[in-house]
Amino acid sequence: MSLPILYEDGEALVIDKPSGMAVDRPRKGGICLEDHLERLKLGFQRAPVAVHRLDTDTSGCLLLARNPKALARFNRAFEERLVGKTYLAILAGHPTGTSGTIELALAKISSAEKGWRMIAAKKGKPAVSHWELVEELGPHSLIRFRPETGRTHQLRVHALKGLGAPLLGDPVYGAGNAGAAKRTMLHAESLTVERPGKTPIAARAPLPADFLALGAKDG
């Protein structure tokens, strides 16, 4: 499996994670980032460590730290909101309007029948996502999200509850549209990390083939 490197220096790597690869080892088995860390050493003694997480289905920019000091620094940058991220998503439908901000707090629920999922809940953790319509793709829409917070499944729930349409292919929040795509159509487009006294980390992942196949235009 190809893991293109989008950014590299002595502290960090940003890779273009493919859809279908888990960041952490799945309980049920399957390919994961750990299987590829040895070849991502690239001459360093230590294997890099993922700083954040992307869902298995989600493709795009994933930041790796190359040493413990860098990991601590990047973790602090996430906590202090010094990390900028954009995501591209294909919605199964069209939003009302062309841009806006979604503020819906999120909470986790679970049941024996359906397992766990996130829901919009007043007493949940605050979650904020900015969005803009990039283009309409027939019955679908290409949306760019700029999340302020990084809650689990935030963009998936915000698309459904905030924009009135789920992400195309989403098997959990897609309300029956999971067969319209082979995966949840979410792509981590760009990543920037501010570093005091150093050049910021900046990377952009090109659109994957399944986005292009649905008519989305890269760039």
N, C-alpha and C. Protein backbone atom coordinates (compact mmCIF):
# COMPACT_ATOMS: atom_id res chain seq x y z
N MET A 1 0.85 -1.20 0.00
CA MET A 1 0.00 0.00 0.00
C MET A 1 0.88 1.24 0.00
N SER A 2 0.59 2.16 -0.92
CA SER A 2 1.38 3.38 -1.05
C SER A 2 1.06 4.36 0.06
N LEU A 3 2.11 4.97 0.63
CA LEU A 3 1.96 5.99 1.66
C LEU A 3 2.76 7.23 1.23
N PRO A 4 2.21 8.04 0.33
CA PRO A 4 2.94 9.23 -0.12
C PRO A 4 3.28 10.16 1.04
N ILE A 5 4.48 10.71 1.02
CA ILE A 5 4.91 11.66 2.05
C ILE A 5 4.68 13.07 1.52
N LEU A 6 3.86 13.82 2.23
CA LEU A 6 3.48 15.17 1.80
C LEU A 6 4.37 16.24 2.42
N TYR A 7 4.99 15.92 3.56
CA TYR A 7 5.86 16.87 4.24
C TYR A 7 6.86 16.08 5.07
N GLU A 8 8.10 16.56 5.12
CA GLU A 8 9.13 15.88 5.92
C GLU A 8 10.15 16.88 6.42
N ASP A 9 10.46 16.82 7.72
CA ASP A 9 11.63 17.48 8.27
C ASP A 9 12.12 16.67 9.47
N GLY A 10 13.01 17.20 10.27
CA GLY A 10 13.59 16.43 11.36
C GLY A 10 12.63 16.11 12.48
N GLU A 11 11.50 16.83 12.56
CA GLU A 11 10.53 16.61 13.62
C GLU A 11 9.29 15.85 13.16
N ALA A 12 8.95 16.00 11.89
CA ALA A 12 7.61 15.57 11.47
C ALA A 12 7.60 14.93 10.09
N LEU A 13 6.61 14.07 9.92
CA LEU A 13 6.19 13.58 8.62
C LEU A 13 4.70 13.84 8.51
N VAL A 14 4.24 14.20 7.34
CA VAL A 14 2.81 14.19 7.04
C VAL A 14 2.63 13.24 5.86
N ILE A 15 1.84 12.19 6.08
CA ILE A 15 1.61 11.22 5.02
C ILE A 15 0.18 11.37 4.49
N ASP A 16 -0.01 10.86 3.28
CA ASP A 16 -1.35 10.81 2.68
C ASP A 16 -1.92 9.42 2.98
N LYS A 17 -2.65 9.33 4.09
CA LYS A 17 -3.19 8.03 4.50
C LYS A 17 -4.28 7.58 3.54
N PRO A 18 -4.18 6.36 3.03
CA PRO A 18 -5.23 5.89 2.13
C PRO A 18 -6.48 5.45 2.90
N SER A 19 -7.61 5.55 2.26
CA SER A 19 -8.83 4.99 2.83
C SER A 19 -8.67 3.48 2.98
N GLY A 20 -9.21 2.96 4.08
CA GLY A 20 -9.11 1.52 4.34
C GLY A 20 -8.01 1.14 5.29
N MET A 21 -7.12 2.07 5.61
CA MET A 21 -6.04 1.81 6.57
C MET A 21 -6.40 2.41 7.92
N ALA A 22 -6.41 1.58 8.95
CA ALA A 22 -6.64 2.06 10.31
C ALA A 22 -5.36 2.66 10.87
N VAL A 23 -5.49 3.67 11.72
CA VAL A 23 -4.31 4.22 12.39
C VAL A 23 -3.86 3.29 13.50
N ASP A 24 -4.80 2.81 14.31
CA ASP A 24 -4.50 1.86 15.38
C ASP A 24 -4.87 0.44 14.95
N ARG A 25 -4.26 -0.54 15.58
CA ARG A 25 -4.52 -1.94 15.23
C ARG A 25 -5.99 -2.29 15.50
N PRO A 26 -6.76 -2.70 14.49
CA PRO A 26 -8.17 -3.06 14.72
C PRO A 26 -8.28 -4.35 15.53
N ARG A 27 -9.31 -4.42 16.37
CA ARG A 27 -9.53 -5.63 17.17
C ARG A 27 -9.78 -6.84 16.28
N LYS A 28 -10.43 -6.60 15.16
CA LYS A 28 -10.76 -7.70 14.25
C LYS A 28 -9.65 -7.99 13.24
N GLY A 29 -8.53 -7.31 13.38
CA GLY A 29 -7.43 -7.50 12.44
C GLY A 29 -7.58 -6.61 11.22
N GLY A 30 -6.61 -6.68 10.32
CA GLY A 30 -6.63 -5.85 9.12
C GLY A 30 -5.43 -4.93 9.09
N ILE A 31 -5.22 -4.28 7.94
CA ILE A 31 -4.05 -3.43 7.76
C ILE A 31 -4.16 -2.19 8.63
N CYS A 32 -3.01 -1.73 9.11
CA CYS A 32 -2.99 -0.51 9.91
C CYS A 32 -1.66 0.18 9.73
N LEU A 33 -1.57 1.39 10.22
CA LEU A 33 -0.35 2.19 10.08
C LEU A 33 0.86 1.50 10.69
N GLU A 34 0.65 0.80 11.79
CA GLU A 34 1.75 0.13 12.47
C GLU A 34 2.54 -0.79 11.54
N ASP A 35 1.86 -1.39 10.57
CA ASP A 35 2.52 -2.30 9.63
C ASP A 35 3.53 -1.58 8.74
N HIS A 36 3.47 -0.26 8.68
CA HIS A 36 4.30 0.51 7.75
C HIS A 36 5.29 1.43 8.45
N LEU A 37 5.31 1.44 9.78
CA LEU A 37 6.15 2.39 10.50
C LEU A 37 7.63 2.13 10.31
N GLU A 38 8.02 0.88 10.15
CA GLU A 38 9.44 0.56 9.99
C GLU A 38 10.01 1.25 8.76
N ARG A 39 9.28 1.20 7.65
CA ARG A 39 9.81 1.84 6.44
C ARG A 39 9.62 3.35 6.45
N LEU A 40 8.85 3.86 7.41
CA LEU A 40 8.72 5.31 7.56
C LEU A 40 9.78 5.91 8.47
N LYS A 41 10.70 5.08 8.97
CA LYS A 41 11.83 5.62 9.73
C LYS A 41 12.69 6.53 8.86
N LEU A 42 12.87 6.14 7.61
CA LEU A 42 13.62 6.94 6.62
C LEU A 42 14.99 7.36 7.15
N GLY A 43 15.70 6.41 7.74
CA GLY A 43 17.04 6.66 8.24
C GLY A 43 17.12 7.04 9.70
N PHE A 44 15.99 7.34 10.33
CA PHE A 44 15.97 7.66 11.76
C PHE A 44 15.95 6.36 12.57
N GLN A 45 16.45 6.42 13.82
CA GLN A 45 16.46 5.23 14.66
C GLN A 45 15.07 4.89 15.17
N ARG A 46 14.28 5.90 15.48
CA ARG A 46 12.93 5.67 16.00
C ARG A 46 11.92 5.65 14.87
N ALA A 47 10.90 4.82 15.05
CA ALA A 47 9.76 4.86 14.13
C ALA A 47 8.90 6.07 14.50
N PRO A 48 8.30 6.73 13.54
CA PRO A 48 7.43 7.86 13.85
C PRO A 48 6.14 7.40 14.54
N VAL A 49 5.48 8.35 15.20
CA VAL A 49 4.26 8.07 15.97
C VAL A 49 3.15 8.99 15.48
N ALA A 50 1.96 8.45 15.27
CA ALA A 50 0.82 9.27 14.86
C ALA A 50 0.44 10.24 15.98
N VAL A 51 0.27 11.50 15.63
CA VAL A 51 -0.08 12.54 16.60
C VAL A 51 -1.59 12.60 16.82
N HIS A 52 -2.35 12.33 15.79
CA HIS A 52 -3.81 12.39 15.87
C HIS A 52 -4.39 11.18 15.14
N ARG A 53 -5.68 11.12 14.99
CA ARG A 53 -6.33 9.96 14.39
C ARG A 53 -7.23 10.39 13.25
N LEU A 54 -7.32 9.52 12.26
CA LEU A 54 -8.32 9.63 11.20
C LEU A 54 -9.09 8.32 11.18
N ASP A 55 -10.39 8.38 10.93
CA ASP A 55 -11.17 7.16 10.79
C ASP A 55 -10.56 6.28 9.69
N THR A 56 -10.78 4.98 9.79
CA THR A 56 -10.25 4.05 8.80
C THR A 56 -10.66 4.45 7.38
N ASP A 57 -11.92 4.84 7.20
CA ASP A 57 -12.41 5.23 5.88
C ASP A 57 -11.80 6.54 5.37
N THR A 58 -11.42 7.42 6.28
CA THR A 58 -10.98 8.76 5.89
C THR A 58 -9.57 8.73 5.30
N SER A 59 -9.41 9.37 4.17
CA SER A 59 -8.10 9.49 3.52
C SER A 59 -7.51 10.86 3.82
N GLY A 60 -6.20 11.02 3.50
CA GLY A 60 -5.60 12.34 3.56
C GLY A 60 -4.54 12.56 4.62
N CYS A 61 -4.35 13.82 4.99
CA CYS A 61 -3.20 14.26 5.79
C CYS A 61 -3.21 13.70 7.21
N LEU A 62 -2.12 13.01 7.55
CA LEU A 62 -1.94 12.46 8.89
C LEU A 62 -0.55 12.85 9.37
N LEU A 63 -0.48 13.53 10.53
CA LEU A 63 0.77 14.01 11.09
C LEU A 63 1.42 12.95 11.96
N LEU A 64 2.72 12.71 11.73
CA LEU A 64 3.52 11.79 12.54
C LEU A 64 4.68 12.54 13.16
N ALA A 65 4.98 12.26 14.43
CA ALA A 65 6.11 12.86 15.12
C ALA A 65 7.30 11.91 15.07
N ARG A 66 8.48 12.45 14.88
CA ARG A 66 9.67 11.61 14.70
C ARG A 66 10.49 11.43 15.97
N ASN A 67 10.10 12.11 17.07
CA ASN A 67 10.79 11.90 18.35
C ASN A 67 9.85 12.32 19.46
N PRO A 68 10.15 11.91 20.72
CA PRO A 68 9.23 12.22 21.83
C PRO A 68 9.02 13.71 22.08
N LYS A 69 10.07 14.53 21.93
CA LYS A 69 9.92 15.96 22.15
C LYS A 69 8.97 16.57 21.12
N ALA A 70 9.10 16.13 19.88
CA ALA A 70 8.21 16.63 18.83
C ALA A 70 6.78 16.19 19.10
N LEU A 71 6.60 14.96 19.57
CA LEU A 71 5.26 14.47 19.87
C LEU A 71 4.61 15.32 20.94
N ALA A 72 5.35 15.64 22.00
CA ALA A 72 4.81 16.48 23.08
C ALA A 72 4.46 17.87 22.55
N ARG A 73 5.33 18.41 21.68
CA ARG A 73 5.10 19.75 21.13
C ARG A 73 3.86 19.77 20.24
N PHE A 74 3.69 18.73 19.43
CA PHE A 74 2.53 18.68 18.53
C PHE A 74 1.23 18.43 19.31
N ASN A 75 1.31 17.60 20.35
CA ASN A 75 0.13 17.39 21.19
C ASN A 75 -0.32 18.70 21.83
N ARG A 76 0.65 19.50 22.25
CA ARG A 76 0.34 20.80 22.85
C ARG A 76 -0.27 21.74 21.80
N ALA A 77 0.23 21.66 20.58
CA ALA A 77 -0.31 22.50 19.51
C ALA A 77 -1.78 22.16 19.24
N PHE A 78 -2.12 20.87 19.29
CA PHE A 78 -3.53 20.48 19.12
C PHE A 78 -4.37 21.01 20.26
N GLU A 79 -3.85 20.88 21.49
CA GLU A 79 -4.60 21.35 22.66
C GLU A 79 -4.82 22.86 22.61
N GLU A 80 -3.83 23.60 22.10
CA GLU A 80 -3.91 25.05 22.07
C GLU A 80 -4.52 25.57 20.77
N ARG A 81 -5.02 24.66 19.94
CA ARG A 81 -5.68 24.99 18.67
C ARG A 81 -4.77 25.77 17.74
N LEU A 82 -3.52 25.34 17.67
CA LEU A 82 -2.55 25.92 16.74
C LEU A 82 -2.44 25.08 15.47
N VAL A 83 -3.37 24.15 15.30
CA VAL A 83 -3.39 23.27 14.14
C VAL A 83 -4.58 23.63 13.27
N GLY A 84 -4.32 23.86 11.99
CA GLY A 84 -5.39 24.15 11.04
C GLY A 84 -5.64 22.94 10.15
N LYS A 85 -6.90 22.59 9.96
CA LYS A 85 -7.25 21.43 9.14
C LYS A 85 -8.43 21.77 8.24
N THR A 86 -8.38 21.27 7.03
CA THR A 86 -9.56 21.31 6.17
C THR A 86 -9.86 19.90 5.69
N TYR A 87 -11.15 19.63 5.53
CA TYR A 87 -11.61 18.33 5.02
C TYR A 87 -12.54 18.58 3.85
N LEU A 88 -12.48 17.69 2.88
CA LEU A 88 -13.45 17.70 1.79
C LEU A 88 -14.37 16.51 1.98
N ALA A 89 -15.66 16.76 1.81
CA ALA A 89 -16.66 15.71 2.01
C ALA A 89 -17.67 15.77 0.88
N ILE A 90 -18.15 14.61 0.47
CA ILE A 90 -19.23 14.55 -0.49
C ILE A 90 -20.51 14.19 0.26
N LEU A 91 -21.49 15.10 0.18
CA LEU A 91 -22.77 14.89 0.85
C LEU A 91 -23.76 14.19 -0.07
N ALA A 92 -24.59 13.36 0.52
CA ALA A 92 -25.68 12.73 -0.22
C ALA A 92 -26.87 13.68 -0.20
N GLY A 93 -26.75 14.77 -0.94
CA GLY A 93 -27.78 15.79 -0.96
C GLY A 93 -27.17 17.17 -1.07
N HIS A 94 -27.97 18.20 -0.83
CA HIS A 94 -27.53 19.58 -0.95
C HIS A 94 -27.88 20.36 0.30
N PRO A 95 -26.94 21.16 0.80
CA PRO A 95 -27.24 21.99 1.97
C PRO A 95 -28.06 23.21 1.57
N THR A 96 -28.66 23.86 2.55
CA THR A 96 -29.32 25.14 2.33
C THR A 96 -28.26 26.23 2.50
N GLY A 97 -28.06 27.03 1.49
CA GLY A 97 -27.03 28.06 1.56
C GLY A 97 -25.71 27.57 0.98
N THR A 98 -24.71 28.43 1.07
CA THR A 98 -23.40 28.11 0.49
C THR A 98 -22.26 28.12 1.51
N SER A 99 -22.51 28.59 2.71
CA SER A 99 -21.47 28.58 3.75
C SER A 99 -22.11 28.86 5.10
N GLY A 100 -21.34 28.59 6.16
CA GLY A 100 -21.86 28.85 7.49
C GLY A 100 -21.03 28.19 8.57
N THR A 101 -21.55 28.21 9.77
CA THR A 101 -20.89 27.60 10.93
C THR A 101 -21.90 26.72 11.65
N ILE A 102 -21.48 25.52 12.00
CA ILE A 102 -22.31 24.58 12.73
C ILE A 102 -21.78 24.48 14.16
N GLU A 103 -22.63 24.75 15.13
CA GLU A 103 -22.27 24.61 16.54
C GLU A 103 -23.26 23.64 17.17
N LEU A 104 -22.87 22.38 17.24
CA LEU A 104 -23.69 21.34 17.83
C LEU A 104 -22.83 20.50 18.76
N ALA A 105 -23.12 20.55 20.05
CA ALA A 105 -22.38 19.74 21.02
C ALA A 105 -22.66 18.26 20.76
N LEU A 106 -21.68 17.41 21.04
CA LEU A 106 -21.78 15.99 20.73
C LEU A 106 -21.57 15.13 21.97
N ALA A 107 -22.34 14.04 22.03
CA ALA A 107 -22.22 13.07 23.12
C ALA A 107 -22.23 11.67 22.53
N LYS A 108 -21.63 10.74 23.24
CA LYS A 108 -21.56 9.36 22.79
C LYS A 108 -22.66 8.54 23.45
N ILE A 109 -23.35 7.72 22.66
CA ILE A 109 -24.34 6.79 23.19
C ILE A 109 -24.02 5.40 22.67
N SER A 110 -24.55 4.38 23.31
CA SER A 110 -24.31 3.01 22.85
C SER A 110 -25.50 2.14 23.22
N SER A 111 -25.68 1.09 22.43
CA SER A 111 -26.72 0.11 22.72
C SER A 111 -26.23 -1.25 22.24
N ALA A 112 -26.79 -2.30 22.80
CA ALA A 112 -26.40 -3.65 22.41
C ALA A 112 -26.75 -3.93 20.96
N GLU A 113 -27.82 -3.32 20.47
CA GLU A 113 -28.28 -3.59 19.11
C GLU A 113 -27.45 -2.87 18.06
N LYS A 114 -27.15 -1.58 18.29
CA LYS A 114 -26.52 -0.76 17.26
C LYS A 114 -25.06 -0.41 17.55
N GLY A 115 -24.57 -0.80 18.74
CA GLY A 115 -23.22 -0.38 19.09
C GLY A 115 -23.20 1.09 19.49
N TRP A 116 -22.06 1.76 19.34
CA TRP A 116 -21.96 3.15 19.78
C TRP A 116 -22.00 4.10 18.59
N ARG A 117 -22.42 5.32 18.90
CA ARG A 117 -22.43 6.39 17.90
C ARG A 117 -22.45 7.73 18.63
N MET A 118 -22.20 8.80 17.89
CA MET A 118 -22.25 10.13 18.46
C MET A 118 -23.58 10.79 18.08
N ILE A 119 -24.12 11.59 18.99
CA ILE A 119 -25.36 12.32 18.72
C ILE A 119 -25.19 13.78 19.12
N ALA A 120 -26.01 14.64 18.52
CA ALA A 120 -26.06 16.03 18.95
C ALA A 120 -26.82 16.09 20.28
N ALA A 121 -26.21 16.70 21.28
CA ALA A 121 -26.81 16.75 22.62
C ALA A 121 -26.38 18.03 23.33
N LYS A 122 -27.33 18.72 23.94
CA LYS A 122 -27.04 19.99 24.60
C LYS A 122 -25.99 19.84 25.69
N LYS A 123 -25.99 18.69 26.37
CA LYS A 123 -25.03 18.48 27.46
C LYS A 123 -23.77 17.77 26.98
N GLY A 124 -23.59 17.67 25.68
CA GLY A 124 -22.39 17.04 25.14
C GLY A 124 -21.20 18.00 25.15
N LYS A 125 -20.10 17.56 24.53
CA LYS A 125 -18.90 18.40 24.44
C LYS A 125 -19.05 19.37 23.27
N PRO A 126 -18.63 20.63 23.46
CA PRO A 126 -18.77 21.62 22.40
C PRO A 126 -18.06 21.18 21.12
N ALA A 127 -18.70 21.43 19.98
CA ALA A 127 -18.13 21.08 18.69
C ALA A 127 -18.53 22.15 17.68
N VAL A 128 -17.53 22.67 16.95
CA VAL A 128 -17.76 23.76 16.00
C VAL A 128 -17.11 23.42 14.67
N SER A 129 -17.87 23.55 13.59
CA SER A 129 -17.35 23.30 12.24
C SER A 129 -17.79 24.42 11.31
N HIS A 130 -16.85 25.02 10.59
CA HIS A 130 -17.17 25.97 9.54
C HIS A 130 -17.24 25.20 8.21
N TRP A 131 -18.10 25.65 7.31
CA TRP A 131 -18.25 24.91 6.05
C TRP A 131 -18.52 25.85 4.88
N GLU A 132 -18.21 25.36 3.70
CA GLU A 132 -18.54 26.09 2.48
C GLU A 132 -18.82 25.08 1.37
N LEU A 133 -19.75 25.43 0.50
CA LEU A 133 -20.06 24.61 -0.66
C LEU A 133 -18.99 24.86 -1.72
N VAL A 134 -18.32 23.81 -2.16
CA VAL A 134 -17.30 23.93 -3.21
C VAL A 134 -17.96 23.80 -4.59
N GLU A 135 -18.75 22.76 -4.77
CA GLU A 135 -19.47 22.57 -6.04
C GLU A 135 -20.55 21.52 -5.86
N GLU A 136 -21.55 21.59 -6.74
CA GLU A 136 -22.59 20.57 -6.77
C GLU A 136 -22.19 19.49 -7.77
N LEU A 137 -22.41 18.24 -7.38
CA LEU A 137 -22.04 17.08 -8.20
C LEU A 137 -23.30 16.28 -8.48
N GLY A 138 -24.18 16.83 -9.33
CA GLY A 138 -25.45 16.16 -9.59
C GLY A 138 -26.27 16.11 -8.33
N PRO A 139 -26.63 14.91 -7.85
CA PRO A 139 -27.44 14.80 -6.63
C PRO A 139 -26.62 15.00 -5.35
N HIS A 140 -25.32 15.17 -5.50
CA HIS A 140 -24.43 15.28 -4.34
C HIS A 140 -23.80 16.67 -4.28
N SER A 141 -23.09 16.94 -3.18
CA SER A 141 -22.41 18.22 -3.00
C SER A 141 -21.01 17.99 -2.44
N LEU A 142 -20.05 18.75 -2.95
CA LEU A 142 -18.70 18.74 -2.39
C LEU A 142 -18.59 19.89 -1.41
N ILE A 143 -18.30 19.56 -0.16
CA ILE A 143 -18.25 20.54 0.93
C ILE A 143 -16.84 20.58 1.51
N ARG A 144 -16.37 21.80 1.81
CA ARG A 144 -15.11 21.94 2.55
C ARG A 144 -15.44 22.31 4.00
N PHE A 145 -14.94 21.51 4.92
CA PHE A 145 -15.11 21.77 6.35
C PHE A 145 -13.81 22.29 6.94
N ARG A 146 -13.96 23.24 7.87
CA ARG A 146 -12.82 23.71 8.69
C ARG A 146 -13.23 23.55 10.15
N PRO A 147 -12.93 22.42 10.75
CA PRO A 147 -13.35 22.19 12.13
C PRO A 147 -12.50 22.98 13.12
N GLU A 148 -13.15 23.61 14.09
CA GLU A 148 -12.43 24.27 15.19
C GLU A 148 -12.08 23.27 16.28
N THR A 149 -12.94 22.27 16.45
CA THR A 149 -12.74 21.24 17.46
C THR A 149 -12.55 19.91 16.76
N GLY A 150 -12.10 18.91 17.50
CA GLY A 150 -11.81 17.61 16.90
C GLY A 150 -12.52 16.47 17.58
N ARG A 151 -13.83 16.58 17.73
CA ARG A 151 -14.60 15.52 18.39
C ARG A 151 -14.73 14.31 17.47
N THR A 152 -14.89 13.15 18.08
CA THR A 152 -15.11 11.92 17.34
C THR A 152 -16.34 12.05 16.45
N HIS A 153 -16.19 11.70 15.17
CA HIS A 153 -17.29 11.72 14.19
C HIS A 153 -17.93 13.10 14.04
N GLN A 154 -17.20 14.14 14.40
CA GLN A 154 -17.78 15.49 14.40
C GLN A 154 -18.36 15.88 13.04
N LEU A 155 -17.58 15.73 11.98
CA LEU A 155 -18.05 16.19 10.67
C LEU A 155 -19.19 15.32 10.15
N ARG A 156 -19.17 14.06 10.50
CA ARG A 156 -20.24 13.16 10.05
C ARG A 156 -21.58 13.54 10.68
N VAL A 157 -21.56 13.86 11.97
CA VAL A 157 -22.80 14.25 12.65
C VAL A 157 -23.20 15.67 12.25
N HIS A 158 -22.23 16.57 12.12
CA HIS A 158 -22.54 17.94 11.74
C HIS A 158 -23.12 18.01 10.32
N ALA A 159 -22.65 17.14 9.43
CA ALA A 159 -23.22 17.10 8.09
C ALA A 159 -24.69 16.70 8.15
N LEU A 160 -24.97 15.63 8.90
CA LEU A 160 -26.33 15.12 8.98
C LEU A 160 -27.27 16.07 9.70
N LYS A 161 -26.87 16.53 10.88
CA LYS A 161 -27.75 17.34 11.71
C LYS A 161 -27.66 18.84 11.41
N GLY A 162 -26.49 19.29 10.97
CA GLY A 162 -26.31 20.71 10.70
C GLY A 162 -26.63 21.12 9.27
N LEU A 163 -26.34 20.23 8.32
CA LEU A 163 -26.57 20.53 6.91
C LEU A 163 -27.75 19.76 6.33
N GLY A 164 -28.27 18.80 7.08
CA GLY A 164 -29.44 18.07 6.62
C GLY A 164 -29.17 16.98 5.62
N ALA A 165 -27.91 16.60 5.45
CA ALA A 165 -27.56 15.53 4.51
C ALA A 165 -26.34 14.79 5.04
N PRO A 166 -26.35 13.47 5.05
CA PRO A 166 -25.20 12.72 5.56
C PRO A 166 -24.06 12.68 4.55
N LEU A 167 -22.89 12.29 4.99
CA LEU A 167 -21.80 12.04 4.07
C LEU A 167 -22.15 10.83 3.21
N LEU A 168 -21.88 10.93 1.93
CA LEU A 168 -22.14 9.83 1.02
C LEU A 168 -21.38 8.59 1.47
N GLY A 169 -22.07 7.45 1.54
CA GLY A 169 -21.42 6.19 1.90
C GLY A 169 -21.29 5.93 3.38
N ASP A 170 -21.77 6.84 4.22
CA ASP A 170 -21.60 6.66 5.66
C ASP A 170 -22.53 5.55 6.16
N PRO A 171 -21.96 4.44 6.67
CA PRO A 171 -22.80 3.33 7.11
C PRO A 171 -23.47 3.53 8.46
N VAL A 172 -23.01 4.51 9.23
CA VAL A 172 -23.55 4.74 10.57
C VAL A 172 -24.58 5.87 10.58
N TYR A 173 -24.26 6.98 9.92
CA TYR A 173 -25.14 8.14 9.95
C TYR A 173 -25.81 8.40 8.60
N GLY A 174 -25.66 7.47 7.68
CA GLY A 174 -26.09 7.71 6.32
C GLY A 174 -27.54 7.43 6.01
N ALA A 175 -28.31 6.97 6.97
CA ALA A 175 -29.75 6.78 6.80
C ALA A 175 -30.08 5.99 5.54
N GLY A 176 -29.31 4.91 5.32
CA GLY A 176 -29.64 4.01 4.23
C GLY A 176 -28.92 4.28 2.92
N ASN A 177 -27.99 5.26 2.90
CA ASN A 177 -27.31 5.56 1.64
C ASN A 177 -25.92 4.93 1.55
N ALA A 178 -25.61 4.01 2.45
CA ALA A 178 -24.25 3.47 2.51
C ALA A 178 -23.84 2.80 1.21
N GLY A 179 -24.79 2.25 0.45
CA GLY A 179 -24.44 1.57 -0.78
C GLY A 179 -24.07 2.49 -1.92
N ALA A 180 -24.24 3.82 -1.74
CA ALA A 180 -23.95 4.77 -2.81
C ALA A 180 -22.45 4.99 -3.03
N ALA A 181 -21.63 4.56 -2.11
CA ALA A 181 -20.18 4.68 -2.23
C ALA A 181 -19.55 3.53 -1.45
N LYS A 182 -18.30 3.24 -1.78
CA LYS A 182 -17.62 2.11 -1.14
C LYS A 182 -17.06 2.47 0.23
N ARG A 183 -17.11 3.76 0.57
CA ARG A 183 -16.63 4.19 1.89
C ARG A 183 -17.29 5.51 2.23
N THR A 184 -17.11 5.95 3.47
CA THR A 184 -17.57 7.27 3.87
C THR A 184 -16.70 8.31 3.16
N MET A 185 -17.32 9.18 2.38
CA MET A 185 -16.56 10.07 1.50
C MET A 185 -16.07 11.31 2.24
N LEU A 186 -14.96 11.12 2.96
CA LEU A 186 -14.34 12.20 3.73
C LEU A 186 -12.83 12.14 3.51
N HIS A 187 -12.25 13.30 3.21
CA HIS A 187 -10.83 13.39 2.86
C HIS A 187 -10.19 14.54 3.62
N ALA A 188 -9.13 14.25 4.38
CA ALA A 188 -8.38 15.28 5.11
C ALA A 188 -7.50 16.03 4.12
N GLU A 189 -8.00 17.15 3.64
CA GLU A 189 -7.37 17.86 2.52
C GLU A 189 -6.06 18.54 2.89
N SER A 190 -6.04 19.26 4.01
CA SER A 190 -4.84 20.03 4.35
C SER A 190 -4.60 20.05 5.86
N LEU A 191 -3.35 20.31 6.21
CA LEU A 191 -2.94 20.35 7.61
C LEU A 191 -1.84 21.39 7.76
N THR A 192 -1.98 22.28 8.74
CA THR A 192 -0.92 23.23 9.07
C THR A 192 -0.72 23.22 10.58
N VAL A 193 0.52 23.31 11.01
CA VAL A 193 0.85 23.33 12.44
C VAL A 193 1.82 24.48 12.68
N GLU A 194 1.40 25.43 13.51
CA GLU A 194 2.27 26.54 13.87
C GLU A 194 3.35 26.07 14.83
N ARG A 195 4.60 26.52 14.60
CA ARG A 195 5.73 26.16 15.47
C ARG A 195 6.50 27.43 15.80
N PRO A 196 6.40 27.90 17.05
CA PRO A 196 7.11 29.13 17.43
C PRO A 196 8.59 29.03 17.11
N GLY A 197 9.09 30.01 16.37
CA GLY A 197 10.51 30.05 16.03
C GLY A 197 10.90 29.16 14.86
N LYS A 198 9.94 28.44 14.29
CA LYS A 198 10.23 27.55 13.17
C LYS A 198 9.19 27.74 12.07
N THR A 199 9.54 27.29 10.87
CA THR A 199 8.60 27.33 9.77
C THR A 199 7.42 26.42 10.07
N PRO A 200 6.20 26.88 9.85
CA PRO A 200 5.04 26.02 10.10
C PRO A 200 5.07 24.77 9.21
N ILE A 201 4.53 23.70 9.74
CA ILE A 201 4.29 22.50 8.93
C ILE A 201 3.08 22.78 8.05
N ALA A 202 3.19 22.48 6.77
CA ALA A 202 2.06 22.71 5.87
C ALA A 202 2.03 21.61 4.82
N ALA A 203 0.88 20.96 4.67
CA ALA A 203 0.76 19.87 3.71
C ALA A 203 -0.64 19.86 3.12
N ARG A 204 -0.73 19.38 1.88
CA ARG A 204 -2.02 19.21 1.22
C ARG A 204 -2.03 17.88 0.51
N ALA A 205 -3.12 17.13 0.69
CA ALA A 205 -3.28 15.81 0.05
C ALA A 205 -4.19 15.94 -1.16
N PRO A 206 -3.75 15.50 -2.33
CA PRO A 206 -4.61 15.58 -3.52
C PRO A 206 -5.85 14.71 -3.37
N LEU A 207 -6.88 15.05 -4.13
CA LEU A 207 -8.11 14.27 -4.06
C LEU A 207 -7.87 12.84 -4.51
N PRO A 208 -8.42 11.87 -3.79
CA PRO A 208 -8.28 10.47 -4.19
C PRO A 208 -9.17 10.14 -5.39
N ALA A 209 -8.92 8.98 -5.97
CA ALA A 209 -9.58 8.60 -7.21
C ALA A 209 -11.09 8.52 -7.09
N ASP A 210 -11.60 8.06 -5.94
CA ASP A 210 -13.05 7.90 -5.82
C ASP A 210 -13.77 9.25 -5.75
N PHE A 211 -13.12 10.30 -5.26
CA PHE A 211 -13.69 11.64 -5.32
C PHE A 211 -13.72 12.14 -6.76
N LEU A 212 -12.62 11.94 -7.48
CA LEU A 212 -12.54 12.37 -8.87
C LEU A 212 -13.56 11.66 -9.72
N ALA A 213 -13.79 10.37 -9.42
CA ALA A 213 -14.74 9.59 -10.21
C ALA A 213 -16.17 10.13 -10.09
N LEU A 214 -16.45 10.82 -8.98
CA LEU A 214 -17.79 11.38 -8.78
C LEU A 214 -17.90 12.82 -9.31
N GLY A 215 -16.83 13.28 -9.96
CA GLY A 215 -16.88 14.59 -10.59
C GLY A 215 -16.20 15.71 -9.85
N ALA A 216 -15.65 15.45 -8.67
CA ALA A 216 -14.95 16.49 -7.93
C ALA A 216 -13.67 16.87 -8.66
N LYS A 217 -13.31 18.15 -8.59
CA LYS A 217 -12.12 18.65 -9.29
C LYS A 217 -11.05 18.98 -8.27
N ASP A 218 -9.86 18.45 -8.44
CA ASP A 218 -8.77 18.70 -7.51
C ASP A 218 -8.28 20.13 -7.66
N GLY A 219 -8.09 20.81 -6.52
CA GLY A 219 -7.56 22.15 -6.56
C GLY A 219 -8.60 23.21 -6.89
